[in-house]
Amino acid sequence: TLIARSRAGHGGTGADYLYTFMRTFYPDASKATGW
């Protein structure tokens, strides 16, 4: 509910973080989820 307001930091707003986060996944077989 409040994730966009709580994730703000030195890099920008919470929306900036979420926008970057959802566009920077990559496959990694060493991780439990594969990502």
All heavy atoms as atom14 arrays in JSON, in Angstrom:
{
  "sequence": "TLIARSRAGHGGTGADYLYTFMRTFYPDASKATGW",
  "atom14_mask": [
    [1, 1, 1, 1, 1, 1, 1, 0, 0, 0, 0, 0, 0, 0],
    [1, 1, 1, 1, 1, 1, 1, 1, 0, 0, 0, 0, 0, 0],
    [1, 1, 1, 1, 1, 1, 1, 1, 0, 0, 0, 0, 0, 0],
    [1, 1, 1, 1, 1, 0, 0, 0, 0, 0, 0, 0, 0, 0],
    [1, 1, 1, 1, 1, 1, 1, 1, 1, 1, 1, 0, 0, 0],
    [1, 1, 1, 1, 1, 1, 0, 0, 0, 0, 0, 0, 0, 0],
    [1, 1, 1, 1, 1, 1, 1, 1, 1, 1, 1, 0, 0, 0],
    [1, 1, 1, 1, 1, 0, 0, 0, 0, 0, 0, 0, 0, 0],
    [1, 1, 1, 1, 0, 0, 0, 0, 0, 0, 0, 0, 0, 0],
    [1, 1, 1, 1, 1, 1, 1, 1, 1, 1, 0, 0, 0, 0],
    [1, 1, 1, 1, 0, 0, 0, 0, 0, 0, 0, 0, 0, 0],
    [1, 1, 1, 1, 0, 0, 0, 0, 0, 0, 0, 0, 0, 0],
    [1, 1, 1, 1, 1, 1, 1, 0, 0, 0, 0, 0, 0, 0],
    [1, 1, 1, 1, 0, 0, 0, 0, 0, 0, 0, 0, 0, 0],
    [1, 1, 1, 1, 1, 0, 0, 0, 0, 0, 0, 0, 0, 0],
    [1, 1, 1, 1, 1, 1, 1, 1, 0, 0, 0, 0, 0, 0],
    [1, 1, 1, 1, 1, 1, 1, 1, 1, 1, 1, 1, 0, 0],
    [1, 1, 1, 1, 1, 1, 1, 1, 0, 0, 0, 0, 0, 0],
    [1, 1, 1, 1, 1, 1, 1, 1, 1, 1, 1, 1, 0, 0],
    [1, 1, 1, 1, 1, 1, 1, 0, 0, 0, 0, 0, 0, 0],
    [1, 1, 1, 1, 1, 1, 1, 1, 1, 1, 1, 0, 0, 0],
    [1, 1, 1, 1, 1, 1, 1, 1, 0, 0, 0, 0, 0, 0],
    [1, 1, 1, 1, 1, 1, 1, 1, 1, 1, 1, 0, 0, 0],
    [1, 1, 1, 1, 1, 1, 1, 0, 0, 0, 0, 0, 0, 0],
    [1, 1, 1, 1, 1, 1, 1, 1, 1, 1, 1, 0, 0, 0],
    [1, 1, 1, 1, 1, 1, 1, 1, 1, 1, 1, 1, 0, 0],
    [1, 1, 1, 1, 1, 1, 1, 0, 0, 0, 0, 0, 0, 0],
    [1, 1, 1, 1, 1, 1, 1, 1, 0, 0, 0, 0, 0, 0],
    [1, 1, 1, 1, 1, 0, 0, 0, 0, 0, 0, 0, 0, 0],
    [1, 1, 1, 1, 1, 1, 0, 0, 0, 0, 0, 0, 0, 0],
    [1, 1, 1, 1, 1, 1, 1, 1, 1, 0, 0, 0, 0, 0],
    [1, 1, 1, 1, 1, 0, 0, 0, 0, 0, 0, 0, 0, 0],
    [1, 1, 1, 1, 1, 1, 1, 0, 0, 0, 0, 0, 0, 0],
    [1, 1, 1, 1, 0, 0, 0, 0, 0, 0, 0, 0, 0, 0],
    [1, 1, 1, 1, 1, 1, 1, 1, 1, 1, 1, 1, 1, 1]
  ],
  "atom14_positions": [
    [[0.82, -1.21, 0.0], [0.0, 0.0, 0.0], [0.85, 1.25, 0.0], [0.58, 2.2, -0.75], [-0.94, 0.03, 1.23], [-1.57, -1.24, 1.38], [-2.0, 1.11, 1.05], [0.0, 0.0, 0.0], [0.0, 0.0, 0.0], [0.0, 0.0, 0.0], [0.0, 0.0, 0.0], [0.0, 0.0, 0.0], [0.0, 0.0, 0.0], [0.0, 0.0, 0.0]],
    [[1.88, 1.28, 0.83], [2.71, 2.47, 0.97], [4.13, 2.26, 0.45], [5.03, 3.03, 0.79], [2.76, 2.9, 2.44], [1.41, 3.23, 3.09], [1.59, 3.5, 4.58], [0.77, 4.44, 2.42], [0.0, 0.0, 0.0], [0.0, 0.0, 0.0], [0.0, 0.0, 0.0], [0.0, 0.0, 0.0], [0.0, 0.0, 0.0], [0.0, 0.0, 0.0]],
    [[4.32, 1.25, -0.38], [5.67, 0.9, -0.8], [6.35, 2.03, -1.57], [7.55, 2.27, -1.42], [5.64, -0.4, -1.65], [7.04, -0.94, -1.85], [4.92, -0.18, -2.96], [7.66, -1.52, -0.6], [0.0, 0.0, 0.0], [0.0, 0.0, 0.0], [0.0, 0.0, 0.0], [0.0, 0.0, 0.0], [0.0, 0.0, 0.0], [0.0, 0.0, 0.0]],
    [[5.58, 2.75, -2.38], [6.18, 3.83, -3.18], [6.62, 5.0, -2.32], [7.51, 5.76, -2.7], [5.2, 4.3, -4.26], [0.0, 0.0, 0.0], [0.0, 0.0, 0.0], [0.0, 0.0, 0.0], [0.0, 0.0, 0.0], [0.0, 0.0, 0.0], [0.0, 0.0, 0.0], [0.0, 0.0, 0.0], [0.0, 0.0, 0.0], [0.0, 0.0, 0.0]],
    [[6.02, 5.16, -1.16], [6.39, 6.25, -0.26], [7.52, 5.83, 0.67], [8.29, 6.68, 1.14], [5.19, 6.7, 0.56], [4.0, 7.16, -0.29], [2.87, 7.7, 0.55], [3.23, 8.96, 1.19], [2.41, 9.63, 2.0], [1.2, 9.17, 2.26], [2.8, 10.76, 2.54], [0.0, 0.0, 0.0], [0.0, 0.0, 0.0], [0.0, 0.0, 0.0]],
    [[7.63, 4.54, 0.95], [8.61, 4.08, 1.94], [9.97, 3.76, 1.33], [10.94, 3.62, 2.07], [8.07, 2.83, 2.65], [7.96, 1.74, 1.74], [0.0, 0.0, 0.0], [0.0, 0.0, 0.0], [0.0, 0.0, 0.0], [0.0, 0.0, 0.0], [0.0, 0.0, 0.0], [0.0, 0.0, 0.0], [0.0, 0.0, 0.0], [0.0, 0.0, 0.0]],
    [[10.06, 3.64, 0.02], [11.3, 3.22, -0.61], [12.16, 4.37, -1.13], [13.14, 4.14, -1.83], [10.99, 2.27, -1.77], [10.52, 0.9, -1.32], [11.63, 0.13, -0.64], [11.21, -1.21, -0.23], [12.0, -2.11, 0.31], [13.27, -1.78, 0.52], [11.56, -3.29, 0.65], [0.0, 0.0, 0.0], [0.0, 0.0, 0.0], [0.0, 0.0, 0.0]],
    [[11.79, 5.59, -0.82], [12.61, 6.73, -1.26], [13.98, 6.67, -0.59], [14.14, 6.18, 0.53], [11.91, 8.04, -0.9], [0.0, 0.0, 0.0], [0.0, 0.0, 0.0], [0.0, 0.0, 0.0], [0.0, 0.0, 0.0], [0.0, 0.0, 0.0], [0.0, 0.0, 0.0], [0.0, 0.0, 0.0], [0.0, 0.0, 0.0], [0.0, 0.0, 0.0]],
    [[14.99, 7.14, -1.3], [16.34, 7.12, -0.76], [17.22, 8.12, -1.47], [16.74, 8.98, -2.2], [0.0, 0.0, 0.0], [0.0, 0.0, 0.0], [0.0, 0.0, 0.0], [0.0, 0.0, 0.0], [0.0, 0.0, 0.0], [0.0, 0.0, 0.0], [0.0, 0.0, 0.0], [0.0, 0.0, 0.0], [0.0, 0.0, 0.0], [0.0, 0.0, 0.0]],
    [[18.53, 8.0, -1.27], [19.46, 8.94, -1.88], [19.43, 8.87, -3.4], [19.8, 9.82, -4.08], [20.88, 8.66, -1.37], [21.44, 7.37, -1.87], [21.14, 6.15, -1.29], [22.27, 7.1, -2.92], [21.77, 5.19, -1.95], [22.46, 5.72, -2.94], [0.0, 0.0, 0.0], [0.0, 0.0, 0.0], [0.0, 0.0, 0.0], [0.0, 0.0, 0.0]],
    [[18.97, 7.74, -3.95], [18.94, 7.59, -5.39], [17.75, 8.2, -6.08], [17.72, 8.31, -7.3], [0.0, 0.0, 0.0], [0.0, 0.0, 0.0], [0.0, 0.0, 0.0], [0.0, 0.0, 0.0], [0.0, 0.0, 0.0], [0.0, 0.0, 0.0], [0.0, 0.0, 0.0], [0.0, 0.0, 0.0], [0.0, 0.0, 0.0], [0.0, 0.0, 0.0]],
    [[16.74, 8.6, -5.29], [15.54, 9.2, -5.89], [14.31, 8.87, -5.06], [14.4, 8.51, -3.88], [0.0, 0.0, 0.0], [0.0, 0.0, 0.0], [0.0, 0.0, 0.0], [0.0, 0.0, 0.0], [0.0, 0.0, 0.0], [0.0, 0.0, 0.0], [0.0, 0.0, 0.0], [0.0, 0.0, 0.0], [0.0, 0.0, 0.0], [0.0, 0.0, 0.0]],
    [[13.16, 8.96, -5.68], [11.9, 8.68, -5.0], [11.67, 7.18, -4.9], [12.34, 6.38, -5.56], [10.73, 9.33, -5.75], [10.56, 8.66, -7.03], [10.96, 10.81, -5.99], [0.0, 0.0, 0.0], [0.0, 0.0, 0.0], [0.0, 0.0, 0.0], [0.0, 0.0, 0.0], [0.0, 0.0, 0.0], [0.0, 0.0, 0.0], [0.0, 0.0, 0.0]],
    [[10.66, 6.81, -4.1], [10.29, 5.41, -4.03], [9.81, 4.88, -5.37], [10.06, 3.71, -5.72], [0.0, 0.0, 0.0], [0.0, 0.0, 0.0], [0.0, 0.0, 0.0], [0.0, 0.0, 0.0], [0.0, 0.0, 0.0], [0.0, 0.0, 0.0], [0.0, 0.0, 0.0], [0.0, 0.0, 0.0], [0.0, 0.0, 0.0], [0.0, 0.0, 0.0]],
    [[9.13, 5.72, -6.14], [8.68, 5.32, -7.47], [9.87, 5.05, -8.38], [9.86, 4.1, -9.17], [7.78, 6.41, -8.07], [0.0, 0.0, 0.0], [0.0, 0.0, 0.0], [0.0, 0.0, 0.0], [0.0, 0.0, 0.0], [0.0, 0.0, 0.0], [0.0, 0.0, 0.0], [0.0, 0.0, 0.0], [0.0, 0.0, 0.0], [0.0, 0.0, 0.0]],
    [[10.92, 5.87, -8.28], [12.14, 5.65, -9.08], [12.76, 4.3, -8.74], [13.19, 3.55, -9.63], [13.16, 6.76, -8.83], [12.66, 8.12, -9.28], [11.75, 8.18, -10.14], [13.17, 9.14, -8.76], [0.0, 0.0, 0.0], [0.0, 0.0, 0.0], [0.0, 0.0, 0.0], [0.0, 0.0, 0.0], [0.0, 0.0, 0.0], [0.0, 0.0, 0.0]],
    [[12.81, 3.98, -7.45], [13.38, 2.71, -7.03], [12.57, 1.54, -7.59], [13.13, 0.58, -8.15], [13.42, 2.61, -5.51], [13.72, 1.21, -5.02], [15.02, 0.71, -5.05], [12.7, 0.39, -4.56], [15.29, -0.58, -4.64], [12.96, -0.91, -4.15], [14.25, -1.39, -4.18], [14.51, -2.67, -3.79], [0.0, 0.0, 0.0], [0.0, 0.0, 0.0]],
    [[11.24, 1.6, -7.45], [10.39, 0.51, -7.92], [10.49, 0.34, -9.43], [10.5, -0.78, -9.95], [8.94, 0.76, -7.5], [8.66, 0.73, -6.0], [7.25, 1.2, -5.72], [8.88, -0.68, -5.45], [0.0, 0.0, 0.0], [0.0, 0.0, 0.0], [0.0, 0.0, 0.0], [0.0, 0.0, 0.0], [0.0, 0.0, 0.0], [0.0, 0.0, 0.0]],
    [[10.54, 1.46, -10.15], [10.65, 1.43, -11.61], [11.96, 0.76, -12.03], [11.99, -0.04, -12.96], [10.58, 2.85, -12.14], [10.59, 2.98, -13.65], [9.56, 2.45, -14.42], [11.64, 3.64, -14.29], [9.57, 2.57, -15.8], [11.66, 3.77, -15.67], [10.62, 3.24, -16.42], [10.64, 3.36, -17.79], [0.0, 0.0, 0.0], [0.0, 0.0, 0.0]],
    [[13.03, 1.07, -11.32], [14.33, 0.45, -11.61], [14.32, -1.02, -11.21], [14.78, -1.89, -11.96], [15.45, 1.2, -10.86], [15.4, 2.59, -11.19], [16.81, 0.65, -11.22], [0.0, 0.0, 0.0], [0.0, 0.0, 0.0], [0.0, 0.0, 0.0], [0.0, 0.0, 0.0], [0.0, 0.0, 0.0], [0.0, 0.0, 0.0], [0.0, 0.0, 0.0]],
    [[13.79, -1.3, -10.04], [13.75, -2.67, -9.51], [13.03, -3.63, -10.46], [13.52, -4.72, -10.76], [13.07, -2.65, -8.14], [12.79, -4.01, -7.56], [13.82, -4.8, -7.07], [11.5, -4.5, -7.49], [13.57, -6.04, -6.52], [11.23, -5.74, -6.95], [12.27, -6.52, -6.48], [0.0, 0.0, 0.0], [0.0, 0.0, 0.0], [0.0, 0.0, 0.0]],
    [[11.86, -3.23, -10.95], [11.06, -4.12, -11.79], [11.64, -4.28, -13.2], [11.16, -5.1, -13.97], [9.62, -3.6, -11.88], [8.84, -3.68, -10.59], [8.78, -5.36, -9.89], [8.0, -6.28, -11.21], [0.0, 0.0, 0.0], [0.0, 0.0, 0.0], [0.0, 0.0, 0.0], [0.0, 0.0, 0.0], [0.0, 0.0, 0.0], [0.0, 0.0, 0.0]],
    [[12.69, -3.54, -13.51], [13.29, -3.63, -14.84], [14.73, -4.15, -14.8], [15.42, -4.11, -15.81], [13.26, -2.24, -15.5], [11.85, -1.77, -15.8], [11.74, -0.27, -16.09], [12.66, 0.18, -17.1], [13.75, 0.92, -16.85], [14.03, 1.3, -15.59], [14.52, 1.31, -17.83], [0.0, 0.0, 0.0], [0.0, 0.0, 0.0], [0.0, 0.0, 0.0]],
    [[15.17, -4.64, -13.63], [16.57, -5.09, -13.52], [16.69, -6.51, -12.98], [17.68, -6.86, -12.33], [17.39, -4.12, -12.64], [16.74, -3.96, -11.37], [17.54, -2.77, -13.31], [0.0, 0.0, 0.0], [0.0, 0.0, 0.0], [0.0, 0.0, 0.0], [0.0, 0.0, 0.0], [0.0, 0.0, 0.0], [0.0, 0.0, 0.0], [0.0, 0.0, 0.0]],
    [[15.69, -7.35, -13.24], [15.82, -8.77, -12.92], [16.64, -9.47, -13.99], [16.63, -9.09, -15.17], [14.44, -9.43, -12.85], [13.72, -9.25, -11.55], [12.81, -8.23, -11.38], [13.95, -10.12, -10.48], [12.13, -8.06, -10.18], [13.28, -9.96, -9.29], [12.37, -8.93, -9.12], [0.0, 0.0, 0.0], [0.0, 0.0, 0.0], [0.0, 0.0, 0.0]],
    [[17.35, -10.52, -13.58], [18.08, -11.34, -14.54], [18.17, -12.77, -14.0], [18.17, -12.99, -12.78], [19.48, -10.77, -14.8], [20.38, -10.71, -13.59], [21.28, -11.74, -13.3], [20.36, -9.61, -12.74], [22.12, -11.69, -12.21], [21.18, -9.54, -11.63], [22.07, -10.58, -11.38], [22.89, -10.52, -10.28], [0.0, 0.0, 0.0], [0.0, 0.0, 0.0]],
    [[18.24, -13.78, -14.88], [18.29, -15.17, -14.42], [19.58, -15.45, -13.65], [20.66, -15.0, -14.03], [18.25, -15.97, -15.73], [17.74, -15.04, -16.76], [18.18, -13.67, -16.34], [0.0, 0.0, 0.0], [0.0, 0.0, 0.0], [0.0, 0.0, 0.0], [0.0, 0.0, 0.0], [0.0, 0.0, 0.0], [0.0, 0.0, 0.0], [0.0, 0.0, 0.0]],
    [[19.44, -16.22, -12.57], [20.6, -16.61, -11.77], [20.29, -17.97, -11.15], [19.51, -18.07, -10.21], [20.88, -15.58, -10.68], [22.18, -15.86, -9.92], [22.67, -17.01, -9.99], [22.7, -14.95, -9.27], [0.0, 0.0, 0.0], [0.0, 0.0, 0.0], [0.0, 0.0, 0.0], [0.0, 0.0, 0.0], [0.0, 0.0, 0.0], [0.0, 0.0, 0.0]],
    [[20.9, -19.0, -11.7], [20.6, -20.36, -11.27], [21.03, -20.63, -9.83], [20.56, -21.6, -9.21], [21.28, -21.37, -12.2], [0.0, 0.0, 0.0], [0.0, 0.0, 0.0], [0.0, 0.0, 0.0], [0.0, 0.0, 0.0], [0.0, 0.0, 0.0], [0.0, 0.0, 0.0], [0.0, 0.0, 0.0], [0.0, 0.0, 0.0], [0.0, 0.0, 0.0]],
    [[21.9, -19.8, -9.28], [22.37, -20.02, -7.91], [21.34, -19.57, -6.86], [21.49, -19.88, -5.68], [23.69, -19.28, -7.67], [23.5, -17.87, -7.69], [0.0, 0.0, 0.0], [0.0, 0.0, 0.0], [0.0, 0.0, 0.0], [0.0, 0.0, 0.0], [0.0, 0.0, 0.0], [0.0, 0.0, 0.0], [0.0, 0.0, 0.0], [0.0, 0.0, 0.0]],
    [[20.32, -18.83, -7.29], [19.31, -18.33, -6.36], [18.13, -19.3, -6.29], [17.82, -19.99, -7.27], [18.81, -16.95, -6.78], [19.92, -15.91, -6.94], [20.68, -15.71, -5.64], [21.78, -14.66, -5.81], [22.59, -14.51, -4.59], [0.0, 0.0, 0.0], [0.0, 0.0, 0.0], [0.0, 0.0, 0.0], [0.0, 0.0, 0.0], [0.0, 0.0, 0.0]],
    [[17.47, -19.33, -5.15], [16.36, -20.26, -4.95], [15.23, -20.02, -5.93], [14.57, -20.96, -6.39], [15.84, -20.14, -3.52], [0.0, 0.0, 0.0], [0.0, 0.0, 0.0], [0.0, 0.0, 0.0], [0.0, 0.0, 0.0], [0.0, 0.0, 0.0], [0.0, 0.0, 0.0], [0.0, 0.0, 0.0], [0.0, 0.0, 0.0], [0.0, 0.0, 0.0]],
    [[15.0, -18.77, -6.28], [13.91, -18.44, -7.21], [14.35, -18.51, -8.66], [13.53, -18.44, -9.57], [13.38, -17.02, -6.94], [14.43, -16.07, -7.17], [12.88, -16.88, -5.51], [0.0, 0.0, 0.0], [0.0, 0.0, 0.0], [0.0, 0.0, 0.0], [0.0, 0.0, 0.0], [0.0, 0.0, 0.0], [0.0, 0.0, 0.0], [0.0, 0.0, 0.0]],
    [[15.68, -18.62, -8.89], [16.19, -18.61, -10.25], [16.42, -17.22, -10.8], [16.76, -17.06, -11.97], [0.0, 0.0, 0.0], [0.0, 0.0, 0.0], [0.0, 0.0, 0.0], [0.0, 0.0, 0.0], [0.0, 0.0, 0.0], [0.0, 0.0, 0.0], [0.0, 0.0, 0.0], [0.0, 0.0, 0.0], [0.0, 0.0, 0.0], [0.0, 0.0, 0.0]],
    [[16.26, -16.19, -9.94], [16.38, -14.81, -10.4], [17.16, -13.99, -9.38], [17.14, -14.28, -8.19], [15.0, -14.16, -10.59], [14.17, -14.78, -11.66], [13.27, -15.8, -11.52], [14.18, -14.44, -13.05], [12.72, -16.11, -12.72], [13.25, -15.3, -13.68], [14.88, -13.51, -13.81], [13.01, -15.24, -15.05], [14.64, -13.45, -15.18], [13.72, -14.31, -15.79]]
  ]
}
